[in-house]
N, C-alpha and C. Protein backbone atom coordinates (compact mmCIF):
# COMPACT_ATOMS: atom_id res chain seq x y z
N MET A 1 103.20 106.97 133.56
CA MET A 1 103.80 107.70 134.68
C MET A 1 102.81 108.73 135.21
N LYS A 2 102.85 108.93 136.52
CA LYS A 2 101.99 109.94 137.11
C LYS A 2 102.33 111.32 136.56
N ASN A 3 101.49 112.27 136.85
CA ASN A 3 101.68 113.63 136.38
C ASN A 3 103.08 114.13 136.70
N ILE A 4 103.77 114.64 135.68
CA ILE A 4 105.16 115.07 135.84
C ILE A 4 105.27 116.21 136.85
N LYS A 5 104.34 117.14 136.81
CA LYS A 5 104.37 118.27 137.75
C LYS A 5 104.23 117.77 139.19
N GLU A 6 103.33 116.81 139.40
CA GLU A 6 103.16 116.25 140.74
C GLU A 6 104.44 115.56 141.22
N LEU A 7 105.05 114.78 140.33
CA LEU A 7 106.29 114.10 140.71
C LEU A 7 107.39 115.11 141.03
N SER A 8 107.47 116.17 140.25
CA SER A 8 108.49 117.19 140.50
C SER A 8 108.28 117.85 141.85
N GLU A 9 107.04 118.15 142.18
CA GLU A 9 106.74 118.79 143.46
C GLU A 9 107.05 117.86 144.63
N ARG A 10 106.74 116.57 144.49
CA ARG A 10 107.04 115.62 145.56
C ARG A 10 108.54 115.43 145.72
N LEU A 11 109.24 115.38 144.59
CA LEU A 11 110.69 115.20 144.66
C LEU A 11 111.37 116.41 145.29
N GLU A 12 110.85 117.60 145.01
CA GLU A 12 111.45 118.81 145.56
C GLU A 12 111.34 118.85 147.09
N LYS A 13 110.38 118.15 147.66
CA LYS A 13 110.23 118.11 149.11
C LYS A 13 111.23 117.15 149.76
N CYS A 14 111.93 116.38 148.94
CA CYS A 14 112.96 115.47 149.44
C CYS A 14 114.29 116.22 149.48
N TYR A 15 115.33 115.54 149.95
CA TYR A 15 116.67 116.12 149.89
C TYR A 15 117.63 115.07 149.38
N SER A 16 118.76 115.52 148.85
CA SER A 16 119.63 114.62 148.09
C SER A 16 120.18 113.48 148.94
N GLY A 17 120.47 113.73 150.22
CA GLY A 17 121.00 112.67 151.07
C GLY A 17 120.03 111.51 151.22
N ALA A 18 118.75 111.83 151.43
CA ALA A 18 117.74 110.78 151.59
C ALA A 18 117.52 110.04 150.28
N VAL A 19 117.48 110.78 149.16
CA VAL A 19 117.31 110.13 147.86
C VAL A 19 118.50 109.24 147.55
N TYR A 20 119.71 109.72 147.88
CA TYR A 20 120.90 108.89 147.64
C TYR A 20 120.82 107.59 148.43
N ASP A 21 120.43 107.68 149.71
CA ASP A 21 120.34 106.46 150.53
C ASP A 21 119.37 105.46 149.92
N VAL A 22 118.24 105.96 149.46
CA VAL A 22 117.24 105.08 148.85
C VAL A 22 117.81 104.43 147.59
N MET A 23 118.45 105.22 146.74
CA MET A 23 118.97 104.66 145.49
C MET A 23 120.14 103.71 145.74
N ARG A 24 120.95 104.00 146.73
CA ARG A 24 122.02 103.06 147.11
C ARG A 24 121.42 101.74 147.52
N ASN A 25 120.40 101.77 148.34
CA ASN A 25 119.77 100.54 148.81
C ASN A 25 119.07 99.78 147.68
N MET A 26 118.69 100.51 146.63
CA MET A 26 118.07 99.88 145.47
C MET A 26 119.11 99.34 144.47
N GLY A 27 120.39 99.58 144.76
CA GLY A 27 121.44 99.10 143.86
C GLY A 27 121.91 100.13 142.85
N TYR A 28 121.65 101.41 143.12
CA TYR A 28 122.08 102.49 142.21
C TYR A 28 122.87 103.53 143.00
N PRO A 29 124.10 103.18 143.44
CA PRO A 29 124.85 104.10 144.30
C PRO A 29 125.65 105.16 143.54
N ASP A 30 125.65 105.11 142.22
CA ASP A 30 126.57 105.96 141.44
C ASP A 30 125.84 106.92 140.52
N GLN A 31 124.68 107.41 140.96
CA GLN A 31 123.90 108.33 140.13
C GLN A 31 124.16 109.80 140.46
N LEU A 32 125.25 110.06 141.15
CA LEU A 32 125.60 111.43 141.53
C LEU A 32 126.49 112.07 140.47
N LEU A 33 126.20 113.32 140.13
CA LEU A 33 127.09 114.07 139.26
C LEU A 33 128.32 114.50 140.04
N PRO A 34 129.43 114.78 139.35
CA PRO A 34 130.68 115.15 140.04
C PRO A 34 130.48 116.31 141.00
N ASN A 35 131.18 116.22 142.14
CA ASN A 35 130.94 117.22 143.19
C ASN A 35 131.57 118.58 142.92
N HIS A 36 132.25 118.73 141.76
CA HIS A 36 132.72 120.08 141.41
C HIS A 36 131.61 120.92 140.78
N ILE A 37 130.48 120.33 140.48
CA ILE A 37 129.35 121.11 139.95
C ILE A 37 128.55 121.62 141.15
N ARG A 38 128.57 122.94 141.35
CA ARG A 38 128.03 123.53 142.57
C ARG A 38 126.94 124.56 142.23
N PRO A 39 126.02 124.80 143.16
CA PRO A 39 124.98 125.81 142.92
C PRO A 39 125.53 127.23 143.01
N LEU A 40 125.05 128.08 142.11
CA LEU A 40 125.39 129.49 142.19
C LEU A 40 124.89 130.08 143.50
N ASN A 41 123.72 129.65 143.92
CA ASN A 41 123.13 130.09 145.18
C ASN A 41 122.85 128.85 146.03
N LEU A 42 123.48 128.77 147.20
CA LEU A 42 123.35 127.58 148.04
C LEU A 42 121.93 127.35 148.53
N GLN A 43 121.10 128.37 148.48
CA GLN A 43 119.72 128.23 148.96
C GLN A 43 118.82 127.55 147.93
N HIS A 44 119.29 127.44 146.70
CA HIS A 44 118.44 126.87 145.65
C HIS A 44 118.38 125.35 145.74
N LYS A 45 117.21 124.83 145.51
CA LYS A 45 116.99 123.39 145.34
C LYS A 45 116.03 123.24 144.17
N ILE A 46 116.37 122.37 143.23
CA ILE A 46 115.52 122.17 142.06
C ILE A 46 115.27 120.69 141.85
N ALA A 47 114.10 120.39 141.33
CA ALA A 47 113.73 119.00 141.05
C ALA A 47 112.79 118.99 139.86
N GLY A 48 113.00 118.01 138.98
CA GLY A 48 112.11 117.91 137.83
C GLY A 48 112.71 117.07 136.73
N PRO A 49 112.00 116.99 135.60
CA PRO A 49 112.47 116.19 134.47
C PRO A 49 113.61 116.89 133.74
N VAL A 50 114.47 116.07 133.16
CA VAL A 50 115.67 116.54 132.47
C VAL A 50 115.41 116.77 130.99
N PHE A 51 116.02 117.82 130.45
CA PHE A 51 116.16 117.99 129.01
C PHE A 51 117.65 118.16 128.74
N THR A 52 118.23 117.29 127.94
CA THR A 52 119.68 117.25 127.79
C THR A 52 120.17 118.12 126.64
N ILE A 53 121.40 118.60 126.82
CA ILE A 53 122.10 119.39 125.80
C ILE A 53 123.53 118.89 125.72
N ALA A 54 124.01 118.66 124.50
CA ALA A 54 125.42 118.36 124.27
C ALA A 54 125.99 119.39 123.32
N GLY A 55 127.27 119.71 123.50
CA GLY A 55 127.90 120.68 122.62
C GLY A 55 129.39 120.44 122.52
N LYS A 56 130.05 121.27 121.72
CA LYS A 56 131.49 121.14 121.57
C LYS A 56 132.08 122.43 121.01
N ILE A 57 133.37 122.57 121.15
CA ILE A 57 134.10 123.67 120.54
C ILE A 57 134.04 123.55 119.02
N ASP A 58 133.77 124.69 118.36
CA ASP A 58 133.76 124.72 116.89
C ASP A 58 134.26 126.10 116.46
N ARG A 59 135.53 126.18 116.13
CA ARG A 59 136.14 127.47 115.80
C ARG A 59 135.89 127.90 114.36
N SER A 60 135.11 127.11 113.63
CA SER A 60 134.76 127.51 112.27
C SER A 60 133.56 128.46 112.25
N LEU A 61 132.91 128.63 113.39
CA LEU A 61 131.70 129.45 113.46
C LEU A 61 132.03 130.93 113.43
N ASP A 62 131.20 131.71 112.73
CA ASP A 62 131.32 133.16 112.88
C ASP A 62 130.40 133.61 114.02
N LYS A 63 130.47 134.89 114.34
CA LYS A 63 129.72 135.41 115.49
C LYS A 63 128.23 135.17 115.34
N ASP A 64 127.65 135.54 114.21
CA ASP A 64 126.21 135.43 114.03
C ASP A 64 125.74 133.98 114.06
N THR A 65 126.49 133.10 113.42
CA THR A 65 126.09 131.69 113.39
C THR A 65 126.11 131.09 114.78
N SER A 66 127.15 131.38 115.54
CA SER A 66 127.24 130.81 116.89
C SER A 66 126.12 131.34 117.78
N LEU A 67 125.82 132.63 117.67
CA LEU A 67 124.75 133.19 118.52
C LEU A 67 123.37 132.70 118.08
N LEU A 68 123.17 132.53 116.78
CA LEU A 68 121.89 131.97 116.32
C LEU A 68 121.72 130.53 116.81
N LYS A 69 122.77 129.75 116.78
CA LYS A 69 122.70 128.39 117.30
C LYS A 69 122.37 128.39 118.78
N TRP A 70 122.97 129.32 119.52
CA TRP A 70 122.68 129.42 120.96
C TRP A 70 121.21 129.81 121.17
N CYS A 71 120.73 130.77 120.40
CA CYS A 71 119.34 131.19 120.55
C CYS A 71 118.36 130.09 120.16
N GLU A 72 118.73 129.29 119.17
CA GLU A 72 117.89 128.15 118.80
C GLU A 72 117.78 127.15 119.96
N MET A 73 118.89 126.95 120.66
CA MET A 73 118.87 126.07 121.83
C MET A 73 117.92 126.61 122.89
N LEU A 74 118.01 127.91 123.17
CA LEU A 74 117.12 128.51 124.16
C LEU A 74 115.67 128.39 123.71
N SER A 75 115.42 128.56 122.43
CA SER A 75 114.06 128.50 121.89
C SER A 75 113.44 127.12 122.09
N LYS A 76 114.25 126.08 122.01
CA LYS A 76 113.74 124.71 122.10
C LYS A 76 113.71 124.18 123.53
N ALA A 77 114.18 124.94 124.49
CA ALA A 77 114.18 124.49 125.88
C ALA A 77 112.74 124.39 126.39
N PRO A 78 112.31 123.22 126.86
CA PRO A 78 110.91 123.05 127.28
C PRO A 78 110.65 123.56 128.69
N SER A 79 109.52 124.20 128.85
CA SER A 79 109.14 124.66 130.19
C SER A 79 108.92 123.47 131.11
N GLY A 80 109.06 123.73 132.40
CA GLY A 80 108.84 122.69 133.39
C GLY A 80 109.94 121.65 133.44
N HIS A 81 111.07 121.91 132.77
CA HIS A 81 112.20 120.98 132.76
C HIS A 81 113.45 121.64 133.33
N ILE A 82 114.43 120.81 133.64
CA ILE A 82 115.74 121.27 134.05
C ILE A 82 116.72 120.92 132.93
N LEU A 83 117.40 121.92 132.41
CA LEU A 83 118.37 121.69 131.35
C LEU A 83 119.66 121.15 131.96
N VAL A 84 120.17 120.06 131.41
CA VAL A 84 121.43 119.48 131.87
C VAL A 84 122.36 119.43 130.66
N CYS A 85 123.49 120.13 130.75
CA CYS A 85 124.36 120.35 129.60
C CYS A 85 125.73 119.72 129.81
N GLN A 86 126.16 118.94 128.82
CA GLN A 86 127.54 118.46 128.73
C GLN A 86 128.19 119.24 127.59
N PRO A 87 128.96 120.29 127.91
CA PRO A 87 129.53 121.13 126.86
C PRO A 87 130.81 120.59 126.25
N ASN A 88 131.38 119.55 126.89
CA ASN A 88 132.66 119.01 126.42
C ASN A 88 133.71 120.11 126.28
N ASP A 89 133.73 120.97 127.28
CA ASP A 89 134.63 122.13 127.28
C ASP A 89 134.79 122.62 128.71
N ASP A 90 135.99 123.08 129.05
CA ASP A 90 136.21 123.62 130.39
C ASP A 90 136.88 124.98 130.34
N THR A 91 136.58 125.76 129.30
CA THR A 91 137.21 127.07 129.14
C THR A 91 136.23 128.23 129.03
N LEU A 92 134.98 127.95 128.70
CA LEU A 92 134.01 129.00 128.38
C LEU A 92 132.88 129.05 129.40
N ALA A 93 132.13 130.15 129.34
CA ALA A 93 130.86 130.25 130.07
C ALA A 93 129.74 129.73 129.18
N HIS A 94 128.97 128.79 129.69
CA HIS A 94 127.87 128.19 128.94
C HIS A 94 126.51 128.63 129.48
N MET A 95 126.52 129.73 130.23
CA MET A 95 125.29 130.37 130.70
C MET A 95 125.63 131.80 131.07
N GLY A 96 124.69 132.72 130.76
CA GLY A 96 124.87 134.13 131.09
C GLY A 96 123.54 134.78 131.41
N GLU A 97 123.58 136.08 131.67
CA GLU A 97 122.40 136.77 132.19
C GLU A 97 121.21 136.73 131.23
N LEU A 98 121.39 137.12 129.97
CA LEU A 98 120.26 137.18 129.06
C LEU A 98 119.67 135.80 128.81
N SER A 99 120.51 134.79 128.79
CA SER A 99 120.01 133.43 128.63
C SER A 99 119.20 133.01 129.85
N ALA A 100 119.69 133.36 131.04
CA ALA A 100 118.96 133.05 132.26
C ALA A 100 117.61 133.76 132.29
N GLU A 101 117.60 135.02 131.85
CA GLU A 101 116.34 135.76 131.77
C GLU A 101 115.37 135.05 130.82
N THR A 102 115.88 134.62 129.67
CA THR A 102 115.05 133.95 128.68
C THR A 102 114.46 132.66 129.23
N LEU A 103 115.29 131.86 129.88
CA LEU A 103 114.83 130.57 130.40
C LEU A 103 113.85 130.77 131.55
N THR A 104 114.07 131.78 132.37
CA THR A 104 113.12 132.09 133.43
C THR A 104 111.76 132.42 132.84
N PHE A 105 111.73 133.27 131.81
CA PHE A 105 110.48 133.67 131.16
C PHE A 105 109.78 132.46 130.54
N LYS A 106 110.56 131.50 130.02
CA LYS A 106 109.98 130.32 129.38
C LYS A 106 109.48 129.29 130.39
N GLY A 107 109.76 129.48 131.67
CA GLY A 107 109.30 128.55 132.69
C GLY A 107 110.22 127.35 132.88
N VAL A 108 111.48 127.46 132.45
CA VAL A 108 112.46 126.42 132.71
C VAL A 108 112.84 126.46 134.18
N ILE A 109 112.96 125.29 134.81
CA ILE A 109 113.16 125.22 136.26
C ILE A 109 114.57 125.62 136.65
N GLY A 110 115.57 125.20 135.88
CA GLY A 110 116.96 125.50 136.23
C GLY A 110 117.90 124.95 135.18
N TYR A 111 119.20 125.16 135.41
CA TYR A 111 120.23 124.82 134.43
C TYR A 111 121.42 124.22 135.16
N ILE A 112 121.83 123.03 134.71
CA ILE A 112 122.98 122.34 135.29
C ILE A 112 123.98 122.11 134.17
N VAL A 113 125.23 122.52 134.37
CA VAL A 113 126.22 122.39 133.32
C VAL A 113 127.55 121.95 133.91
N ASP A 114 128.19 120.99 133.24
CA ASP A 114 129.54 120.59 133.61
C ASP A 114 130.50 121.52 132.89
N GLY A 115 130.31 122.80 133.15
CA GLY A 115 131.07 123.84 132.48
C GLY A 115 130.92 125.15 133.22
N GLY A 116 131.02 126.27 132.50
CA GLY A 116 131.13 127.56 133.16
C GLY A 116 129.90 128.44 133.07
N CYS A 117 129.97 129.51 133.86
CA CYS A 117 128.89 130.50 133.93
C CYS A 117 129.53 131.88 134.04
N ARG A 118 128.87 132.87 133.46
CA ARG A 118 129.29 134.26 133.64
C ARG A 118 128.07 135.10 134.03
N ASP A 119 128.30 136.37 134.31
CA ASP A 119 127.21 137.27 134.78
C ASP A 119 126.55 136.69 136.03
N SER A 120 127.37 136.06 136.86
CA SER A 120 126.81 135.30 137.98
C SER A 120 126.05 136.17 138.97
N SER A 121 126.52 137.40 139.20
CA SER A 121 125.80 138.25 140.15
C SER A 121 124.43 138.64 139.62
N PHE A 122 124.34 138.89 138.31
CA PHE A 122 123.05 139.22 137.69
C PHE A 122 122.11 138.02 137.75
N ILE A 123 122.63 136.84 137.46
CA ILE A 123 121.80 135.63 137.49
C ILE A 123 121.30 135.38 138.91
N ASP A 124 122.17 135.64 139.88
CA ASP A 124 121.76 135.47 141.27
C ASP A 124 120.63 136.44 141.62
N GLN A 125 120.70 137.66 141.12
CA GLN A 125 119.63 138.63 141.37
C GLN A 125 118.33 138.21 140.71
N ILE A 126 118.42 137.63 139.51
CA ILE A 126 117.23 137.13 138.83
C ILE A 126 116.58 136.02 139.63
N GLY A 127 117.43 135.19 140.26
CA GLY A 127 116.92 134.07 141.03
C GLY A 127 116.82 132.77 140.23
N PHE A 128 117.39 132.77 139.02
CA PHE A 128 117.34 131.55 138.21
C PHE A 128 118.39 130.57 138.71
N PRO A 129 117.99 129.33 139.05
CA PRO A 129 118.95 128.37 139.61
C PRO A 129 119.92 127.85 138.56
N VAL A 130 121.21 128.03 138.82
CA VAL A 130 122.27 127.53 137.95
C VAL A 130 123.26 126.75 138.80
N TYR A 131 123.61 125.56 138.29
CA TYR A 131 124.68 124.75 138.88
C TYR A 131 125.79 124.66 137.83
N CYS A 132 127.02 124.99 138.21
CA CYS A 132 128.11 125.00 137.25
C CYS A 132 129.42 124.61 137.93
N SER A 133 130.47 124.49 137.12
CA SER A 133 131.77 124.04 137.63
C SER A 133 132.73 125.19 137.91
N TYR A 134 132.54 126.33 137.25
CA TYR A 134 133.47 127.45 137.40
C TYR A 134 132.83 128.70 136.81
N TYR A 135 133.51 129.84 137.01
CA TYR A 135 133.07 131.11 136.44
C TYR A 135 134.15 131.66 135.51
N THR A 136 133.72 132.31 134.44
CA THR A 136 134.64 132.98 133.53
C THR A 136 133.84 133.97 132.68
N PRO A 137 134.43 135.11 132.33
CA PRO A 137 133.74 136.04 131.43
C PRO A 137 133.82 135.62 129.96
N ARG A 138 134.63 134.60 129.64
CA ARG A 138 134.81 134.19 128.25
C ARG A 138 133.54 133.47 127.77
N ASP A 139 132.92 133.97 126.69
CA ASP A 139 131.64 133.41 126.25
C ASP A 139 131.81 132.47 125.06
N VAL A 140 130.68 132.01 124.52
CA VAL A 140 130.69 130.97 123.48
C VAL A 140 130.80 131.54 122.07
N VAL A 141 130.80 132.86 121.93
CA VAL A 141 130.71 133.49 120.60
C VAL A 141 131.87 133.04 119.71
N SER A 142 131.50 132.50 118.57
CA SER A 142 132.43 132.07 117.52
C SER A 142 133.25 130.83 117.86
N VAL A 143 133.00 130.21 119.01
CA VAL A 143 133.87 129.08 119.39
C VAL A 143 133.12 127.84 119.90
N TRP A 144 131.80 127.92 120.17
CA TRP A 144 131.10 126.76 120.75
C TRP A 144 129.67 126.75 120.26
N SER A 145 129.12 125.55 120.12
CA SER A 145 127.69 125.44 119.81
C SER A 145 127.14 124.13 120.32
N ALA A 146 125.84 124.12 120.55
CA ALA A 146 125.14 122.88 120.89
C ALA A 146 125.11 121.98 119.66
N THR A 147 125.36 120.71 119.85
CA THR A 147 125.36 119.75 118.74
C THR A 147 124.18 118.80 118.78
N GLU A 148 123.58 118.61 119.95
CA GLU A 148 122.44 117.70 120.06
C GLU A 148 121.58 118.12 121.24
N LEU A 149 120.28 118.12 121.04
CA LEU A 149 119.31 118.41 122.09
C LEU A 149 118.46 117.18 122.31
N GLY A 150 118.31 116.78 123.57
CA GLY A 150 117.41 115.68 123.90
C GLY A 150 118.01 114.30 123.78
N GLY A 151 119.30 114.20 123.47
CA GLY A 151 119.94 112.89 123.34
C GLY A 151 120.64 112.45 124.61
N LYS A 152 121.27 111.31 124.56
CA LYS A 152 122.03 110.80 125.71
C LYS A 152 123.29 111.63 125.92
N ILE A 153 123.57 111.99 127.16
CA ILE A 153 124.83 112.62 127.53
C ILE A 153 125.42 111.87 128.71
N CYS A 154 126.70 112.09 128.96
CA CYS A 154 127.37 111.53 130.14
C CYS A 154 128.08 112.67 130.86
N ILE A 155 127.87 112.75 132.16
CA ILE A 155 128.60 113.70 133.00
C ILE A 155 129.22 112.88 134.12
N GLY A 156 130.54 112.95 134.22
CA GLY A 156 131.22 112.05 135.14
C GLY A 156 130.99 110.62 134.68
N GLU A 157 130.50 109.79 135.59
CA GLU A 157 130.22 108.39 135.27
C GLU A 157 128.73 108.13 135.05
N VAL A 158 127.93 109.21 134.98
CA VAL A 158 126.47 109.06 134.92
C VAL A 158 125.96 109.29 133.51
N SER A 159 125.21 108.32 132.99
CA SER A 159 124.51 108.48 131.72
C SER A 159 123.16 109.15 132.00
N ILE A 160 122.83 110.15 131.19
CA ILE A 160 121.64 110.96 131.43
C ILE A 160 120.82 111.03 130.15
N PHE A 161 119.52 110.82 130.29
CA PHE A 161 118.61 110.86 129.15
C PHE A 161 117.52 111.89 129.41
N SER A 162 117.06 112.56 128.35
CA SER A 162 115.89 113.41 128.51
C SER A 162 114.72 112.57 129.03
N GLY A 163 114.01 113.11 130.02
CA GLY A 163 112.93 112.37 130.66
C GLY A 163 113.32 111.77 131.98
N ASP A 164 114.64 111.60 132.23
CA ASP A 164 115.08 111.26 133.58
C ASP A 164 114.71 112.41 134.51
N PHE A 165 114.81 112.17 135.81
CA PHE A 165 114.56 113.23 136.78
C PHE A 165 115.86 113.58 137.49
N VAL A 166 115.95 114.82 137.97
CA VAL A 166 117.12 115.26 138.71
C VAL A 166 116.66 116.00 139.96
N LEU A 167 117.38 115.77 141.05
CA LEU A 167 117.23 116.56 142.27
C LEU A 167 118.59 117.17 142.57
N ALA A 168 118.63 118.49 142.69
CA ALA A 168 119.87 119.19 142.98
C ALA A 168 119.67 120.12 144.16
N ASP A 169 120.54 120.01 145.15
CA ASP A 169 120.52 120.93 146.28
C ASP A 169 121.96 121.26 146.65
N ARG A 170 122.17 121.88 147.79
CA ARG A 170 123.51 122.34 148.15
C ARG A 170 124.47 121.19 148.40
N ASP A 171 123.96 119.99 148.65
CA ASP A 171 124.81 118.83 148.91
C ASP A 171 125.24 118.09 147.65
N GLY A 172 124.48 118.21 146.57
CA GLY A 172 124.85 117.50 145.36
C GLY A 172 123.70 117.37 144.38
N ILE A 173 123.99 116.65 143.31
CA ILE A 173 123.04 116.49 142.20
C ILE A 173 122.90 115.00 141.91
N ILE A 174 121.67 114.52 141.95
CA ILE A 174 121.42 113.09 141.75
C ILE A 174 120.45 112.91 140.59
N ILE A 175 120.81 112.00 139.69
CA ILE A 175 120.00 111.70 138.51
C ILE A 175 119.21 110.42 138.78
N ILE A 176 117.90 110.48 138.53
CA ILE A 176 117.02 109.34 138.77
C ILE A 176 116.47 108.88 137.41
N PRO A 177 116.79 107.67 136.98
CA PRO A 177 116.24 107.17 135.72
C PRO A 177 114.72 107.25 135.71
N GLN A 178 114.17 107.55 134.56
CA GLN A 178 112.74 107.80 134.42
C GLN A 178 111.89 106.66 134.96
N ASP A 179 112.30 105.42 134.71
CA ASP A 179 111.47 104.30 135.12
C ASP A 179 111.56 103.99 136.61
N LEU A 180 112.44 104.70 137.32
CA LEU A 180 112.59 104.48 138.76
C LEU A 180 112.01 105.61 139.61
N VAL A 181 111.63 106.72 138.97
CA VAL A 181 111.39 107.93 139.75
C VAL A 181 110.24 107.78 140.73
N LEU A 182 109.14 107.15 140.34
CA LEU A 182 108.01 107.02 141.27
C LEU A 182 108.40 106.17 142.47
N THR A 183 109.06 105.06 142.23
CA THR A 183 109.49 104.19 143.33
C THR A 183 110.45 104.92 144.25
N VAL A 184 111.41 105.65 143.68
CA VAL A 184 112.38 106.38 144.50
C VAL A 184 111.68 107.43 145.36
N ILE A 185 110.74 108.16 144.78
CA ILE A 185 110.02 109.18 145.55
C ILE A 185 109.24 108.53 146.69
N GLU A 186 108.52 107.46 146.39
CA GLU A 186 107.71 106.82 147.44
C GLU A 186 108.60 106.29 148.56
N LYS A 187 109.70 105.66 148.22
CA LYS A 187 110.61 105.13 149.25
C LYS A 187 111.25 106.27 150.05
N THR A 188 111.57 107.37 149.38
CA THR A 188 112.17 108.50 150.09
C THR A 188 111.16 109.14 151.03
N GLU A 189 109.93 109.23 150.62
CA GLU A 189 108.90 109.76 151.51
C GLU A 189 108.75 108.89 152.75
N GLU A 190 108.87 107.59 152.61
CA GLU A 190 108.85 106.69 153.76
C GLU A 190 110.04 106.95 154.67
N VAL A 191 111.22 107.17 154.08
CA VAL A 191 112.42 107.47 154.85
C VAL A 191 112.25 108.76 155.65
N LEU A 192 111.70 109.79 155.01
CA LEU A 192 111.51 111.06 155.70
C LEU A 192 110.57 110.92 156.89
N ALA A 193 109.54 110.10 156.73
CA ALA A 193 108.61 109.86 157.85
C ALA A 193 109.33 109.15 158.99
N THR A 194 110.16 108.17 158.66
CA THR A 194 110.91 107.45 159.68
C THR A 194 111.92 108.36 160.37
N GLU A 195 112.58 109.22 159.60
CA GLU A 195 113.54 110.15 160.18
C GLU A 195 112.87 111.06 161.21
N ASN A 196 111.64 111.45 160.94
CA ASN A 196 110.92 112.28 161.90
C ASN A 196 110.70 111.53 163.21
N LEU A 197 110.44 110.23 163.13
CA LEU A 197 110.27 109.43 164.34
C LEU A 197 111.59 109.29 165.09
N VAL A 198 112.69 109.09 164.35
CA VAL A 198 114.01 109.00 164.99
C VAL A 198 114.34 110.32 165.68
N ARG A 199 114.11 111.42 164.98
CA ARG A 199 114.40 112.74 165.54
C ARG A 199 113.60 112.96 166.82
N LYS A 200 112.33 112.58 166.79
CA LYS A 200 111.48 112.74 167.98
C LYS A 200 112.01 111.89 169.13
N ALA A 201 112.43 110.66 168.83
CA ALA A 201 112.96 109.78 169.86
C ALA A 201 114.24 110.34 170.48
N ILE A 202 115.16 110.82 169.63
CA ILE A 202 116.42 111.38 170.12
C ILE A 202 116.17 112.59 171.00
N LEU A 203 115.27 113.47 170.56
CA LEU A 203 115.00 114.68 171.33
C LEU A 203 114.24 114.40 172.62
N SER A 204 113.65 113.21 172.71
CA SER A 204 112.97 112.84 173.96
C SER A 204 113.91 112.09 174.90
N GLY A 205 115.17 111.89 174.47
CA GLY A 205 116.16 111.29 175.36
C GLY A 205 116.54 109.86 175.04
N THR A 206 116.01 109.29 173.96
CA THR A 206 116.37 107.91 173.60
C THR A 206 117.83 107.85 173.18
N ASP A 207 118.55 106.84 173.67
CA ASP A 207 119.93 106.64 173.27
C ASP A 207 119.99 106.38 171.77
N PRO A 208 121.00 106.95 171.05
CA PRO A 208 121.05 106.77 169.60
C PRO A 208 121.15 105.30 169.18
N VAL A 209 121.82 104.47 169.98
CA VAL A 209 121.89 103.04 169.65
C VAL A 209 120.49 102.43 169.71
N ASP A 210 119.77 102.74 170.77
CA ASP A 210 118.41 102.22 170.90
C ASP A 210 117.50 102.74 169.79
N ALA A 211 117.69 104.02 169.43
CA ALA A 211 116.88 104.60 168.36
C ALA A 211 117.15 103.89 167.03
N TYR A 212 118.42 103.61 166.77
CA TYR A 212 118.73 102.91 165.52
C TYR A 212 118.15 101.51 165.51
N LEU A 213 118.30 100.80 166.62
CA LEU A 213 117.79 99.42 166.68
C LEU A 213 116.28 99.40 166.53
N GLN A 214 115.61 100.45 166.99
CA GLN A 214 114.16 100.49 166.87
C GLN A 214 113.71 100.80 165.46
N PHE A 215 114.37 101.79 164.81
CA PHE A 215 113.89 102.29 163.52
C PHE A 215 114.76 101.85 162.33
N ARG A 216 115.98 101.32 162.64
CA ARG A 216 116.92 100.92 161.58
C ARG A 216 117.20 102.07 160.62
N LYS A 217 117.31 103.26 161.17
CA LYS A 217 117.58 104.45 160.37
C LYS A 217 118.30 105.47 161.24
N PHE A 218 119.35 106.07 160.65
CA PHE A 218 120.03 107.15 161.36
C PHE A 218 120.80 108.01 160.35
């Protein structure tokens, strides 16, 4: 595979609608995460390789054990990646300010969770990109821990593996299997070039029907 940083930078220049169209045409129309997972800041767009996290409720944990497990997870988060978490829980916050500060310092690109977030105003001020399903002040202390790092997870109908790529913007979150990412990026770049030609034609007065028939894109 080409340089991961280069692929991440190229993917970030794309947008989710164009990537979705490409993947649909390739026979992968269902790689979108559920639309209830939304960005904390609508201006954020993130792209890069995935590092997966799975967890679950565990009420046998004491305070110190649960927080040590959480800190171990933060310690193992790789720089240059986007953390994607399936917490198997819809009651707690699975991201907060100090964790966001830690991940920012470590060079983690962003955090996507099918769960909750707290300290959202502080995280927004930090500028760390977080995508989550809801907000709550209730934290993970004594009740939740990560059970697996880097393994297969499922969010909605999408299976996600560490090493896959993700593009997330204000319109949605799309997972690109690792072995498809270069092809998807190249095809999307072609689409963006064609869209520029369509846009130029429309702004010069070309009828939209004629523009579509000429470029087969709209």
